[in-house]
Protein backbone atom coordinates (compact mmCIF):
# COMPACT_ATOMS: atom_id res chain seq x y z
CA ASP A 1 100.47 7.21 214.23
CA ALA A 2 101.29 9.87 211.64
CA TYR A 3 97.82 9.50 210.13
CA GLN A 4 96.16 9.89 213.52
CA TYR A 5 98.44 12.86 214.23
CA GLY A 6 97.08 14.49 211.10
CA LEU A 7 93.48 13.94 212.17
CA LYS A 8 94.19 15.65 215.48
CA TYR A 9 96.25 18.52 214.05
CA PRO A 10 94.76 19.29 210.61
CA ALA A 11 96.79 22.49 210.29
CA SER A 12 99.87 20.36 209.63
CA ASN A 13 98.24 18.75 206.54
CA GLN A 14 99.22 15.29 207.76
CA THR A 15 95.85 13.84 206.71
CA ILE A 16 96.39 14.84 203.07
CA LEU A 17 100.00 13.73 203.07
CA TYR A 18 99.41 10.23 204.47
CA GLU A 19 96.09 9.38 202.85
CA LYS A 20 97.58 7.30 200.01
CA PHE A 21 100.15 5.71 202.31
CA HIS A 22 97.36 4.71 204.69
CA GLU A 23 95.39 3.12 201.85
CA ILE A 24 98.42 1.16 200.57
CA ILE A 25 99.47 -0.39 203.88
CA ASN A 26 95.86 -1.46 204.51
CA ASN A 27 95.32 -2.94 201.02
CA PRO A 28 96.41 -6.62 200.82
CA ASN A 29 96.03 -6.59 197.03
CA TRP A 30 98.37 -3.65 196.42
CA ASN A 31 101.22 -4.51 194.07
CA GLY A 32 104.49 -2.54 193.97
CA ILE A 33 107.67 -1.50 195.72
CA LEU A 34 107.58 0.52 198.96
CA VAL A 35 110.65 1.99 200.69
CA LEU A 36 110.41 3.60 204.12
CA LYS A 37 112.67 6.32 205.48
CA ALA A 38 114.48 6.65 202.17
CA THR A 39 117.76 8.57 202.03
CA ILE A 40 117.68 11.81 200.00
CA ASP A 41 120.65 12.49 197.73
CA LEU A 42 121.40 16.18 198.33
CA GLN A 43 123.12 16.54 194.95
CA GLU A 44 119.96 15.27 193.24
CA PHE A 45 117.67 17.52 195.28
CA PRO A 46 115.64 19.90 193.05
CA GLN A 47 118.00 22.67 191.97
CA GLU A 48 115.50 25.45 192.72
CA LEU A 49 115.29 24.23 196.33
CA LYS A 50 118.93 23.50 197.14
CA GLY A 51 119.25 26.78 199.03
CA LEU A 52 116.92 25.28 201.66
CA LEU A 53 119.44 22.59 202.65
CA SER A 54 121.43 24.91 204.93
CA GLY A 55 118.35 25.42 207.11
CA ILE A 56 117.44 21.75 207.49
CA ASP A 57 118.53 19.37 210.24
CA LEU A 58 119.90 16.69 207.91
CA ASN A 59 119.91 14.10 210.69
CA ARG A 60 116.12 14.17 210.47
CA PHE A 61 115.80 14.74 206.74
CA ASN A 62 114.57 11.83 204.66
CA ALA A 63 111.66 10.70 202.56
CA HIS A 64 109.01 9.17 204.80
CA HIS A 65 108.25 6.76 202.00
CA PHE A 66 108.99 6.22 198.35
CA GLY A 67 107.30 3.72 196.10
CA ILE A 68 106.54 2.42 192.65
CA GLU A 69 103.10 1.18 191.77
CA MET A 70 103.55 -1.86 189.53
CA SER A 71 101.16 -2.54 186.66
CA LYS A 72 99.93 -6.08 186.19
CA VAL A 73 100.95 -7.98 183.06
CA ASN A 74 98.25 -9.92 181.19
CA SER A 75 98.82 -12.57 178.49
CA GLU A 76 96.11 -12.62 175.88
CA GLY A 77 98.01 -13.51 172.74
CA GLU A 78 100.53 -10.83 173.64
CA ILE A 79 102.15 -9.51 176.77
CA ARG A 80 101.05 -5.96 177.61
CA MET A 81 100.87 -3.61 180.57
CA GLU A 82 97.42 -2.70 181.83
CA LYS A 83 98.65 0.79 182.64
CA SER A 84 101.91 2.62 183.14
CA SER A 85 103.72 2.24 186.44
CA SER A 86 103.98 5.42 188.49
CA LEU A 87 106.17 6.82 191.24
CA PHE A 88 104.91 8.21 194.51
CA GLY A 89 106.49 9.47 197.69
CA LEU A 90 106.47 11.90 200.57
CA ILE A 91 108.94 14.29 202.15
CA ASN A 92 107.48 15.58 205.42
CA TYR A 93 110.11 17.56 207.28
CA LEU A 94 109.19 19.54 210.37
CA ASP A 95 111.62 21.43 212.57
CA VAL A 96 111.44 19.96 216.10
CA ALA A 97 110.60 23.26 217.80
CA TYR A 98 108.12 24.16 215.07
CA GLN A 99 106.38 20.79 215.38
CA GLN A 100 106.00 21.34 219.12
CA GLN A 101 104.43 24.73 218.45
CA LEU A 102 101.90 23.18 216.07
CA MET A 103 101.02 20.53 218.63
CA GLN A 104 100.38 23.32 221.14
CA GLY A 105 97.97 24.92 218.69
CA LEU A 106 100.13 28.00 218.07
CA ASN A 107 99.94 30.02 214.86
CA ASP A 108 101.77 28.33 211.97
CA ASN A 109 103.45 31.67 211.12
CA LYS A 110 105.11 31.89 214.52
CA PRO A 111 108.90 31.53 214.16
CA VAL A 112 111.07 29.38 216.39
CA PRO A 113 114.05 30.64 218.47
CA SER A 114 117.07 31.39 216.32
CA LEU A 115 120.81 30.99 216.86
CA ASP A 116 121.86 33.26 219.74
CA GLY A 117 124.13 36.17 218.89
CA ALA A 118 124.35 35.52 215.15
CA PRO A 119 123.82 38.51 212.80
CA TYR A 120 121.76 36.26 210.53
CA ASP A 121 120.17 32.84 210.86
CA PHE A 122 118.10 30.68 208.54
CA LYS A 123 115.84 27.73 209.34
CA VAL A 124 113.44 25.57 207.38
CA LEU A 125 110.40 25.11 209.58
CA GLN A 126 108.42 22.90 207.27
CA LEU A 127 108.93 21.16 203.94
CA GLN A 128 106.09 18.94 202.77
CA VAL A 129 106.22 17.52 199.27
CA LEU A 130 103.77 14.82 198.14
CA PHE A 131 104.41 13.00 194.85
CA GLU A 132 101.70 10.95 193.17
CA ASN A 133 101.60 9.62 189.63
CA THR A 134 105.18 10.90 189.15
CA ALA A 135 104.10 14.50 189.76
CA ILE A 136 103.87 16.90 192.68
CA LYS A 137 100.39 16.71 194.15
CA PHE A 138 100.95 18.86 197.22
CA PHE A 139 103.70 21.29 198.26
CA GLN A 140 103.92 23.43 201.35
CA SER A 141 106.88 24.99 203.06
CA LYS A 142 107.71 27.63 205.63
CA VAL A 143 111.15 29.08 206.26
CA GLN A 144 112.38 31.82 208.56
CA LEU A 145 115.12 34.42 208.29
CA THR A 146 116.48 36.13 211.39
CA MET A 147 118.17 39.50 210.89
CA ASN A 148 119.84 40.94 213.99
CA ASN A 149 121.86 43.40 211.92
CA LEU A 150 120.91 45.67 209.02
CA PHE A 151 122.93 48.55 207.54
CA SER A 152 125.72 47.59 210.00
CA ASP A 153 123.44 48.50 212.92
CA LYS A 154 121.97 46.27 215.61
CA VAL A 155 118.27 45.51 215.33
CA ILE A 156 116.62 46.03 218.72
CA GLY A 157 113.17 44.68 217.85
CA THR A 158 110.36 44.41 215.34
CA ASN A 159 106.60 44.66 215.21
CA ASN A 160 106.47 40.85 215.40
CA LYS A 161 103.01 39.92 216.66
CA TYR A 162 103.74 36.31 217.57
CA GLY A 163 105.76 36.82 220.76
CA ALA A 164 108.71 38.71 222.20
CA ASP A 165 111.02 35.69 221.99
CA ASN A 166 111.28 35.98 218.18
CA LEU A 167 111.59 39.71 217.64
CA ASN A 168 113.90 39.85 214.64
CA THR A 169 112.57 37.05 212.45
CA ILE A 170 110.46 36.92 209.28
CA VAL A 171 108.55 33.79 208.22
CA LEU A 172 108.20 33.10 204.48
CA ALA A 173 105.67 30.73 202.97
CA GLY A 174 106.66 28.51 200.04
CA THR A 175 104.35 27.60 197.16
CA TYR A 176 104.71 25.55 193.98
CA GLU A 177 103.30 26.04 190.50
CA ASP A 178 103.67 24.04 187.31
CA HIS A 179 104.33 26.41 184.40
CA ASN A 180 103.97 24.22 181.31
CA GLY A 181 106.09 21.48 182.80
CA THR A 182 108.53 23.83 184.56
CA ALA A 183 108.52 23.77 188.35
CA VAL A 184 108.33 27.24 189.91
CA TYR A 185 108.82 27.61 193.66
CA VAL A 186 108.06 30.93 195.35
CA PHE A 187 109.00 31.82 198.94
CA GLU A 188 107.72 35.15 200.26
CA ASN A 189 106.40 36.76 203.42
CA THR A 190 102.78 37.28 204.35
CA ASP A 191 103.15 40.07 206.94
CA ASP A 192 104.50 43.61 206.88
CA ASN A 193 107.61 43.81 209.06
CA LEU A 194 109.31 46.75 210.78
CA PHE A 195 112.89 46.37 212.07
CA TYR A 196 113.84 49.02 214.64
CA PHE A 197 117.22 50.50 215.61
CA ASP A 198 118.35 52.53 218.61
CA SER A 199 119.39 55.29 216.22
CA ASN A 200 118.72 58.99 215.79
CA LEU A 201 119.12 58.75 211.99
CA LEU A 202 117.86 55.47 210.49
CA LYS A 203 114.90 54.73 212.76
CA ASN A 204 113.58 51.58 211.13
CA VAL A 205 113.56 49.48 207.98
CA GLU A 206 110.15 48.39 206.80
CA ILE A 207 110.02 45.17 204.77
CA THR A 208 106.78 44.91 202.85
CA LYS A 209 107.97 42.03 200.70
CA ILE A 210 110.82 39.52 200.88
CA GLN A 211 111.54 36.65 198.49
CA PHE A 212 113.96 33.74 198.75
CA ASN A 213 115.65 32.27 195.66
CA THR A 214 118.41 29.78 194.97
CA LEU A 215 120.82 31.48 192.56
CA THR A 216 123.05 28.51 191.62
CA THR A 217 121.76 26.89 188.43
CA ASP A 218 124.45 24.26 187.76
CA PRO A 219 123.12 20.91 189.11
CA GLN A 220 126.70 19.64 189.52
CA ALA A 221 127.89 22.63 191.56
CA SER A 222 128.75 21.94 195.18
CA TYR A 223 128.85 25.63 196.19
CA ILE A 224 125.26 26.82 196.55
CA GLU A 225 124.39 30.51 196.56
CA SER A 226 120.96 31.86 197.44
CA ARG A 227 119.48 35.27 198.17
CA PHE A 228 116.77 37.04 200.11
CA ALA A 229 115.55 40.06 198.10
CA MET A 230 113.67 42.76 200.00
CA TRP A 231 111.32 45.63 199.17
CA GLY A 232 109.97 48.27 201.51
CA TYR A 233 110.67 51.66 203.08
CA LEU A 234 113.49 53.35 204.99
CA ASN A 235 112.30 55.62 207.77
CA TYR A 236 114.74 58.33 208.90
CA GLY A 237 114.68 60.59 211.92
CA VAL A 238 114.81 64.39 211.98
CA MET A 239 118.14 65.99 212.85
CA LYS A 240 117.57 68.42 215.70
CA THR A 241 119.40 70.99 217.80
CA THR A 242 118.86 72.57 221.20
CA LEU A 243 119.15 76.10 219.86
CA PRO A 244 116.16 78.34 220.80
CA ASN A 245 113.49 78.51 218.12
CA ALA A 246 109.83 79.05 217.56
CA LEU A 247 108.94 75.72 215.98
CA GLY A 248 108.81 73.42 219.00
CA ASP A 249 107.64 73.59 222.59
CA ASP A 250 110.42 71.26 223.72
CA GLY A 251 113.25 73.56 222.63
CA THR A 252 114.16 71.48 219.59
CA THR A 253 113.60 72.06 215.91
CA ALA A 254 114.03 70.40 212.56
CA LEU A 255 116.94 72.72 211.89
CA MET A 256 118.40 70.39 209.28
CA ASP A 257 116.06 67.64 208.14
CA ALA A 258 118.58 66.35 205.63
CA PHE A 259 117.42 62.71 205.50
CA SER A 260 113.87 63.88 204.69
CA PHE A 261 112.00 60.55 204.41
CA GLY A 262 109.68 58.93 206.92
CA ASN A 263 107.44 59.85 209.81
CA GLY A 264 110.38 61.01 211.87
CA ASP A 265 109.75 59.22 215.18
CA GLY A 266 110.23 55.61 214.06
CA THR A 267 106.82 54.41 215.23
CA ASP A 268 104.72 52.08 213.15
CA GLY A 269 101.21 52.89 212.01
CA ASP A 270 98.66 52.16 209.35
CA ILE A 271 100.25 54.49 206.80
CA ILE A 272 103.26 53.12 204.91
CA ASP A 273 105.75 55.93 204.44
CA GLY A 274 109.43 56.70 204.10
CA LEU A 275 111.86 56.14 201.26
CA ASN A 276 110.70 53.34 198.98
CA TYR A 277 113.46 50.85 198.14
CA SER A 278 113.92 47.59 196.26
CA ASN A 279 116.83 45.19 195.61
CA LEU A 280 118.13 45.09 199.17
CA TYR A 281 119.76 41.69 199.59
CA ILE A 282 120.83 39.20 202.23
CA ASP A 283 123.10 36.70 200.46
CA MET A 284 123.63 33.17 201.75
CA ALA A 285 126.14 30.55 200.58
CA PHE A 286 127.37 27.11 201.64
CA ASP A 287 129.06 23.97 200.34
CA ILE A 288 126.60 21.15 199.82
CA ASN A 289 129.05 18.77 201.51
CA THR A 290 128.90 20.87 204.70
CA PRO A 291 125.54 22.70 204.44
CA SER A 292 125.48 23.68 208.11
CA VAL A 293 128.51 25.96 207.57
CA VAL A 294 126.83 29.04 206.11
CA SER A 295 128.18 32.45 205.17
CA TYR A 296 125.90 35.50 205.05
CA GLY A 297 126.35 38.91 203.48
CA PHE A 298 124.38 42.15 203.60
CA ASP A 299 124.32 43.69 200.12
CA ALA A 300 122.98 47.23 199.60
CA SER A 301 125.02 47.90 196.45
CA GLN A 302 122.09 47.36 194.08
CA VAL A 303 119.38 49.19 196.01
CA ALA A 304 117.00 51.20 193.83
CA PHE A 305 114.68 53.96 195.03
CA ASP A 306 111.29 55.07 193.76
CA SER A 307 110.55 58.69 194.66
CA ASN A 308 106.97 58.39 193.39
CA LEU A 309 106.21 55.82 196.07
CA SER A 310 108.12 57.64 198.79
CA THR A 311 106.96 60.11 201.43
CA ALA A 312 109.15 63.10 202.30
CA ARG A 313 108.42 65.40 205.22
CA ALA A 314 107.06 68.81 204.21
CA LEU A 315 109.87 70.86 205.79
CA SER A 316 112.70 68.52 204.84
CA LEU A 317 115.57 69.11 202.44
CA TYR A 318 114.48 66.76 199.65
CA PRO A 319 111.25 68.46 198.49
CA ASN A 320 112.58 71.96 199.15
CA PHE A 321 115.92 71.90 197.33
CA ALA A 322 115.18 70.51 193.84
CA LEU A 323 116.83 67.17 194.52
CA GLN A 324 116.33 63.89 192.67
CA ILE A 325 117.33 60.73 194.48
CA ASN A 326 119.47 58.30 192.52
CA ASN A 327 120.93 55.45 194.51
CA LEU A 328 122.60 54.32 197.71
CA VAL A 329 126.36 54.31 198.13
CA SER A 330 128.40 52.84 200.97
CA GLY A 331 131.93 52.62 202.26
CA ASP A 332 134.10 52.19 205.34
CA LYS A 333 136.89 54.01 207.13
CA ASP A 334 139.19 53.41 204.16
CA SER A 335 136.74 54.73 201.56
CA LEU A 336 135.15 57.88 202.91
CA PRO A 337 133.07 60.26 200.74
CA ALA A 338 136.10 62.47 200.08
CA SER A 339 137.66 59.61 198.11
CA LEU A 340 134.59 59.70 195.86
CA GLY A 341 135.04 63.43 195.18
CA TYR A 342 132.57 64.78 197.74
CA LEU A 343 133.28 68.08 199.46
CA ASN A 344 132.08 68.48 203.01
CA ILE A 345 129.17 70.88 203.53
CA SER A 346 129.07 72.27 207.05
CA LEU A 347 125.75 72.41 208.89
CA PRO A 348 125.86 75.46 211.21
CA GLY A 349 124.20 74.84 214.56
CA MET A 350 124.23 71.05 214.18
CA ASN A 351 126.39 68.72 216.24
CA THR A 352 127.74 66.34 213.60
CA THR A 353 130.73 64.12 214.29
CA GLY A 354 131.16 62.82 210.75
CA LEU A 355 131.36 59.24 209.58
CA SER A 356 133.21 56.37 211.23
CA GLY A 357 133.52 52.73 210.27
CA ASP A 358 130.87 51.48 207.86
CA TRP A 359 128.69 54.17 206.35
CA TYR A 360 125.79 54.45 203.90
CA GLY A 361 124.58 57.43 201.92
CA LEU A 362 121.69 58.64 199.79
CA GLU A 363 123.11 60.02 196.54
CA MET A 364 121.01 62.68 194.83
CA THR A 365 121.25 64.88 191.76
CA LEU A 366 121.24 68.66 192.14
CA ASN A 367 120.79 70.64 188.93
CA MET A 368 122.75 73.87 189.34
CA GLY A 369 122.02 75.14 185.83
CA THR A 370 124.82 76.04 183.40
CA PRO A 371 128.16 77.72 184.12
CA GLY A 372 127.93 79.69 180.89
CA GLU A 373 129.83 79.83 177.60
CA LEU A 374 133.21 79.09 179.14
CA ALA A 375 131.97 75.60 179.92
CA SER A 376 129.08 75.21 177.51
CA SER A 377 129.80 71.52 176.98
CA LEU A 378 130.12 70.76 180.69
CA ASP A 379 127.35 68.82 182.42
CA PHE A 380 126.71 71.03 185.43
CA ASN A 381 124.62 68.57 187.41
CA SER A 382 126.07 68.13 190.87
CA SER A 383 125.67 65.22 193.25
CA VAL A 384 124.61 65.63 196.85
CA LEU A 385 125.39 62.91 199.39
CA ILE A 386 123.46 62.52 202.66
CA ALA A 387 125.32 59.82 204.59
CA TRP A 388 125.25 58.23 208.03
CA SER A 389 127.19 55.79 210.17
CA PRO A 390 125.44 53.53 212.69
CA GLY A 391 125.89 54.04 216.40
CA GLY A 392 124.08 57.29 217.14
CA LYS A 393 121.56 56.77 219.94
CA ALA A 394 117.92 57.70 219.57
CA ASN A 395 117.95 60.25 222.40
CA GLU A 396 121.20 61.95 221.40
CA LEU A 397 121.54 65.29 219.60
CA SER A 398 124.93 64.32 218.19
CA TYR A 399 124.83 62.81 214.72
CA LYS A 400 127.21 60.55 212.84
CA ALA A 401 126.25 62.22 209.59
CA PHE A 402 127.84 63.75 206.53
CA VAL A 403 126.39 66.10 203.93
CA GLY A 404 128.54 66.68 200.88
CA ILE A 405 128.48 67.82 197.28
CA LYS A 406 130.41 66.65 194.25
CA LEU A 407 130.74 69.49 191.75
CA PRO A 408 131.29 68.77 188.06
CA GLY A 409 134.93 68.86 187.08
CA THR A 410 136.29 68.35 190.58
CA SER A 411 138.64 65.58 191.60
CA SER A 412 139.05 63.88 194.95
CA ASN A 413 139.51 66.34 197.83
CA ALA A 414 139.76 69.26 195.37
CA LYS A 415 137.58 72.39 195.56
CA LEU A 416 138.34 73.30 191.95
CA LEU A 417 136.22 73.21 188.79
CA SER A 418 138.13 73.09 185.55
CA LEU A 419 136.85 75.45 182.86
CA GLN A 420 138.33 75.23 179.34
CA GLY A 421 141.48 73.67 180.83
CA VAL A 422 143.22 76.95 181.70
CA LEU A 423 140.65 78.38 184.15
CA LYS A 424 140.02 76.97 187.61
CA LEU A 425 137.07 77.91 189.79
CA SER A 426 138.08 77.61 193.46
CA ILE A 427 135.74 77.37 196.46
CA ASP A 428 136.87 77.91 200.03
CA THR A 429 133.97 76.63 202.20
CA LEU A 430 130.45 75.34 201.75
CA LYS A 431 127.56 75.37 204.20
CA LEU A 432 123.89 74.43 204.25
CA GLU A 433 121.35 76.10 206.52
CA TYR A 434 117.65 75.84 207.23
CA VAL A 435 116.04 79.29 207.31
CA ALA A 436 113.20 78.80 209.76
CA ALA A 437 111.46 82.09 208.98
CA GLN A 438 111.14 81.15 205.31
CA GLN A 439 110.94 77.39 205.90
CA SER A 440 113.51 76.92 203.15
CA TYR A 441 117.12 75.83 202.69
CA LEU A 442 120.12 77.92 201.71
CA MET A 443 123.45 76.60 200.41
CA THR A 444 126.38 79.02 200.44
CA LEU A 445 129.63 78.63 198.49
CA ASN A 446 132.09 81.04 200.10
CA LYS A 447 135.13 82.81 198.65
CA ILE A 448 134.77 81.75 195.04
CA ALA A 449 137.50 82.90 192.67
CA LEU A 450 138.74 82.20 189.16
CA LYS A 451 142.39 81.28 188.73
CA PHE A 452 144.10 81.62 185.35
CA LEU A 453 146.86 79.03 184.81
CA GLY A 454 146.99 78.67 188.59
CA ILE A 455 148.61 82.09 188.98
CA LEU A 456 146.30 85.04 188.30
CA LYS A 457 143.29 85.30 190.58
CA LEU A 458 140.08 86.86 189.27
CA PRO A 459 138.88 89.16 190.70
CA PRO A 460 142.25 90.15 192.15
CA GLY A 461 141.01 92.38 194.95
CA GLY A 462 138.17 90.45 196.59
CA SER A 463 136.05 87.32 196.68
CA THR A 464 132.59 86.18 195.62
CA ASN A 465 129.97 84.28 197.59
CA PHE A 466 127.43 82.21 195.71
CA LEU A 467 124.08 81.25 197.27
CA LEU A 468 121.59 78.59 196.13
CA PHE A 469 118.08 78.34 197.54
CA GLY A 470 114.82 76.57 196.95
CA ASN A 471 111.44 78.21 196.59
CA PRO A 472 111.19 80.51 199.67
CA THR A 473 107.40 80.54 199.58
CA PRO A 474 106.19 78.58 202.64
CA GLY A 475 104.69 75.24 201.64
CA ALA A 476 105.88 75.46 198.05
CA THR A 477 107.82 72.57 196.49
CA ALA A 478 111.12 73.52 194.89
CA LYS A 479 111.27 72.21 191.33
CA SER A 480 114.27 74.38 190.51
CA LEU A 481 116.81 76.46 192.42
CA GLY A 482 117.22 80.18 192.64
CA TRP A 483 120.61 81.81 193.13
CA TYR A 484 122.43 85.04 193.64
CA ALA A 485 126.07 86.02 193.99
CA ALA A 486 127.75 88.74 195.99
CA TYR A 487 131.20 90.20 195.37
CA ASN A 488 133.12 91.45 198.40
CA LYS A 489 135.90 93.84 197.45
CA THR A 490 138.92 93.85 199.71
CA LYS A 491 139.59 97.25 201.20
CA SER A 492 142.94 98.72 200.14
């Protein structure tokens, strides 16, 4: 029946898988041992593939057949084997729903329905391994990963082209290669995938590549850890306001395009754009004794960005304020940016409510030059943080966002820079504005003063404002910052 099934549905590779088995059971002269529906010892399963076990229905998981071809013994003065005996066998696992789809003639990259309501779900759709002559002759596998939550936000859909019933799922194809006797299994996607959010900040996550690997290397370990590693692009929206302006017919403007990267409206197209990332992980772990009990974790702590492969909008902050993106940081309500030493920068005209719950931020370097001889040994590179919390709706003009700066020499929640130990540079307020007429950005540090031993204020009768700005020439890219300072003397 299985052989005939393969003839009718060649896409399932049944013909290849059962060809030897068909020959054996129809050969009355075959000599050897044949076991049907053999039990698979999970502990002895190939180490590189143990991560698959959590996505397999173990009630249906077995070897269709396993056998040993016996060599005949001849006696011609001495007893000798005509040829070496060899092992052969077949694992042909198909998920029930996936098998039904194949029988209906549907695309073999179409995922099956996932577990309802779960943030993440993993299934093995197909695992076909054919052994002949004690070696792997054929290997094919397909697995699927469902992601209903990314960056602590709910995924509302994807560009999945195989049907609306499987919106948030990626199918990965598995292949096998023999590298000088070492088995190498690779699981990766074949399609570009966009995961959308109902958000006015992070519009979508594009996944151009995803790979699955089993991390546990100890064959005796019962706790199995595996990982999905992702590459792609983050596409952010443009922060807008309803203030009157001359840049838009709809009464809105990119007053503060702080997140900078992407096409701004969250739609997919032929051009890949946004902030290029790598090392975004979904971790998966289970005990081999109870493989159906799986824990998942979203891990953005090791994300790396490549600015050379990224696309920033022309009028956004990143290309116009001499910034260099470094990494992604995250926290929750108990570890807000202030605890990392970031000072809040106000955004005049923008409706920002700050961060709440889980948050994520793009950390960038801002070179502010040198503070002079008093601090000649001080590294005066500052860090700028552009952070967001999930939950802001796509059609809202209120943003769960934070823009902050960490100045060299400052401590948590302190607006002071230490110079030579005895001098402190204090800053009252900071703000960042988009100057529409010049299409450039201006950062203002208000009421700056030097304090000697915490007592004497310099200058004693006024305050100084310090302004940083990118290249004010329209269309020019800011490779360095300009600045000027103004001293306001207090009237006596």
